[in-house]
Protein backbone atom coordinates (compact mmCIF):
# COMPACT_ATOMS: atom_id res chain seq x y z
CA ASP A 1 -0.17 0.02 0.05
CA ASN A 2 1.41 3.28 -1.21
CA VAL A 3 0.64 5.46 1.95
CA LEU A 4 2.59 3.17 4.29
CA ASN A 5 5.51 2.74 1.86
CA ASP A 6 5.75 6.50 1.42
CA GLN A 7 5.88 7.00 5.06
CA ARG A 8 8.12 4.11 5.77
CA GLN A 9 10.65 5.62 3.37
CA VAL A 10 10.61 9.00 5.08
CA ILE A 11 11.16 7.29 8.51
CA PHE A 12 13.74 4.87 7.18
CA SER A 13 15.80 7.61 5.43
CA GLN A 14 15.64 9.63 8.74
CA ARG A 15 16.99 6.50 10.60
CA LYS A 16 19.67 5.97 7.98
CA GLU A 17 20.87 9.65 8.36
CA ILE A 18 20.91 9.39 12.11
CA LEU A 19 22.98 6.09 11.95
CA THR A 20 25.52 7.54 9.61
CA THR A 21 25.99 11.12 10.63
CA LYS A 22 29.05 12.19 12.22
CA GLU A 23 27.15 15.28 13.50
CA ILE A 24 24.41 13.82 15.63
CA GLY A 25 24.56 16.86 17.91
CA GLN A 26 23.67 19.29 15.18
CA PHE A 27 20.87 16.86 14.04
CA VAL A 28 19.62 16.96 17.62
CA ASN A 29 20.02 20.76 17.92
CA LYS A 30 17.77 21.00 14.74
CA MET A 31 15.21 19.07 16.59
CA LEU A 32 15.39 21.32 19.76
CA ASP A 33 15.17 24.43 17.32
CA ASP A 34 12.06 23.06 15.87
CA GLU A 35 10.53 22.36 19.30
CA ILE A 36 11.30 25.89 20.38
CA ASP A 37 9.69 27.41 17.23
CA ALA A 38 6.60 25.22 17.79
CA ILE A 39 6.24 26.42 21.52
CA MET A 40 6.78 30.00 20.32
CA GLN A 41 3.82 29.62 17.83
CA ILE A 42 1.65 28.37 20.54
CA LYS A 43 2.65 30.93 22.91
CA ASN A 44 1.92 33.79 20.42
CA LYS A 45 -1.71 32.49 20.20
CA SER A 46 -2.03 31.87 23.88
CA ILE A 47 -3.57 34.28 26.35
CA ASN A 48 -1.56 33.11 29.23
CA LEU A 49 -0.10 30.00 30.79
CA GLU A 50 -2.81 29.42 33.43
CA LYS A 51 -5.50 28.93 30.65
CA ASP A 52 -3.17 26.83 28.53
CA LYS A 53 -2.24 23.64 30.31
CA VAL A 54 -0.43 22.04 27.44
CA LEU A 55 1.75 25.10 26.88
CA LYS A 56 2.50 25.33 30.64
CA ASN A 57 3.51 21.70 30.56
CA LYS A 58 5.76 22.17 27.60
CA PHE A 59 7.34 25.13 29.32
CA GLU A 60 8.07 23.09 32.51
CA ILE A 61 9.64 20.38 30.45
CA LEU A 62 11.89 22.65 28.35
CA LEU A 63 12.95 24.78 31.37
CA GLN A 64 13.33 21.73 33.48
CA ASN A 65 11.45 23.58 36.18
CA ASN A 66 8.01 23.87 37.68
CA ASP A 67 8.37 26.92 39.88
CA GLN A 68 5.52 29.07 38.75
CA ASP A 69 7.18 32.27 39.38
CA TYR A 70 10.16 31.36 37.41
CA ILE A 71 8.06 29.84 34.61
CA ASN A 72 5.83 33.07 34.28
CA LYS A 73 9.03 35.28 34.35
CA ILE A 74 10.59 33.31 31.31
CA PHE A 75 7.24 33.10 29.62
CA SER A 76 6.71 36.92 29.62
CA SER A 77 10.08 37.72 28.43
CA ASN A 78 10.95 38.17 24.73
CA GLN A 79 11.30 35.48 22.20
CA ASN A 80 15.06 35.60 22.16
CA GLU A 81 15.35 35.38 25.84
CA ILE A 82 13.03 32.36 25.97
CA LYS A 83 14.97 30.70 23.27
CA LYS A 84 18.36 31.26 24.93
CA THR A 85 17.08 30.14 28.38
CA ILE A 86 15.73 26.84 26.90
CA GLU A 87 18.86 26.16 24.75
CA HIS A 88 21.05 27.02 27.81
CA LYS A 89 19.24 24.33 29.84
CA PHE A 90 19.52 21.73 27.17
CA PHE A 91 23.25 22.29 26.29
CA GLU A 92 24.04 22.35 30.22
CA LYS A 93 22.44 18.83 30.27
CA ARG A 94 24.68 17.66 27.38
CA LYS A 95 27.79 19.15 28.92
CA LYS A 96 27.19 17.02 32.10
CA ARG A 97 26.58 14.03 30.02
CA ILE A 98 29.90 14.62 28.07
CA LEU A 99 31.74 15.00 31.37
CA PHE A 100 30.58 11.49 32.38
CA LEU A 101 30.65 9.73 29.17
CA SER A 102 32.99 11.66 26.80
CA GLU A 103 32.07 13.37 23.71
CA ALA A 104 31.94 10.15 21.77
CA GLY A 105 29.97 8.43 24.45
CA ASN A 106 27.30 11.12 24.44
CA ASN A 107 27.16 10.93 20.69
CA GLU A 108 26.49 7.30 20.78
CA LEU A 109 23.91 7.78 23.40
CA GLU A 110 22.11 10.53 21.68
CA LYS A 111 22.07 8.19 18.53
CA LYS A 112 20.70 5.37 20.30
CA ILE A 113 17.96 7.28 22.17
CA PHE A 114 16.80 9.01 18.84
CA LEU A 115 16.76 5.58 17.06
CA GLN A 116 14.73 3.87 20.04
CA ILE A 117 12.24 6.84 19.95
CA ILE A 118 11.83 6.56 16.27
CA ASP A 119 11.35 2.73 16.27
CA LEU A 120 8.90 2.80 19.18
CA ASN A 121 6.75 5.62 17.66
CA TRP A 122 7.00 4.02 14.33
CA LYS A 123 5.55 0.73 15.64
CA ASN A 124 2.60 2.53 17.36
CA HIS A 125 2.00 4.52 14.10
CA ILE A 126 1.65 1.37 12.01
CA GLN A 127 -0.84 -0.01 14.58
CA TYR A 128 -2.88 3.34 14.31
CA LEU A 129 -2.71 2.92 10.53
CA GLU A 130 -4.18 -0.54 10.80
CA GLN A 131 -7.06 0.71 13.19
CA LEU A 132 -7.70 3.71 10.85
CA ARG A 133 -7.86 1.28 7.81
CA GLN A 134 -10.64 -0.84 9.74
CA VAL A 135 -12.57 2.42 10.74
CA ILE A 136 -12.50 3.71 7.26
CA GLY A 137 -13.81 0.37 6.03
CA LEU A 138 -16.78 0.71 8.28
CA ARG A 139 -17.33 4.21 7.29
CA GLN A 140 -17.65 3.20 3.61
CA TYR A 141 -21.26 3.64 3.84
CA GLY A 142 -21.03 7.39 4.27
CA GLN A 143 -20.72 8.10 0.51
CA LYS A 144 -17.16 9.15 0.70
CA ASP A 145 -14.25 7.58 -1.23
CA PRO A 146 -12.54 5.30 1.52
CA LEU A 147 -9.21 5.51 -0.05
CA SER A 148 -8.85 9.28 -0.25
CA GLU A 149 -10.23 9.40 3.32
CA PHE A 150 -7.60 7.05 4.40
CA LYS A 151 -4.87 9.04 2.73
CA LYS A 152 -6.01 12.30 4.29
CA GLU A 153 -6.16 10.89 7.74
CA ALA A 154 -3.04 8.81 7.44
CA PHE A 155 -1.16 12.15 6.49
CA VAL A 156 -2.38 13.90 9.52
CA LEU A 157 -1.33 10.98 11.70
CA PHE A 158 2.08 11.00 10.00
CA GLU A 159 2.53 14.63 10.67
CA GLY A 160 1.65 13.93 14.37
CA LEU A 161 4.11 11.18 14.29
CA LEU A 162 6.97 13.29 13.27
CA LEU A 163 6.18 15.88 15.77
CA LYS A 164 5.86 13.37 18.47
CA ILE A 165 9.47 12.08 17.62
CA LYS A 166 10.89 15.50 18.11
CA ASN A 167 8.91 15.99 21.19
CA ASP A 168 9.88 12.78 22.90
CA LEU A 169 13.66 13.11 21.93
CA ILE A 170 14.02 16.52 23.50
CA LYS A 171 11.90 15.59 26.58
CA PHE A 172 13.98 12.45 26.98
CA LEU A 173 17.27 14.09 26.70
CA LEU A 174 16.27 16.87 29.02
CA ASN A 175 15.01 14.48 31.60
CA LEU A 176 17.94 12.14 31.35
CA ASN A 177 20.36 12.02 34.29
CA ILE A 178 23.54 10.12 33.97
CA VAL A 179 24.27 8.27 37.23
CA VAL A 180 27.64 6.94 37.67
CA SER A 181 27.56 3.93 40.05
């Protein structure tokens, strides 16, 4: 089925890129950038943090902090400040990992985590598509072309998948603490 094949190609070429890159750090930084851009877009539409639980939660994760005064202070500063603060947190965490694991060790770890997150999310995605196919089959009576319905919804799911991979990766790396026993 074409839809699945196209999506599989995108995912597998991303995997291959991660496996072969010498610059995993830059790859991951790009994901962080995308995450920050996404949060800025939500922020610009949002009235305030108290009303927007999803946004509040994202800020807590990206800032590794749930002190409300601190979160509100950062939230109300300008875009550049917010970006700098989040990046600072992220790069500090990476520096700590490098201290324990060396640069090469941390690169290996970032690669491994990235690939695991892709694989896990991809497996779930395939299951969603399977369910979607069944649901659309049942919907056939609704005068809509099942194939184009499936393609439309599969595309939306796939966009969600790509976002979730970024999301999970950044969240995981921020929450990761290296413990040396």
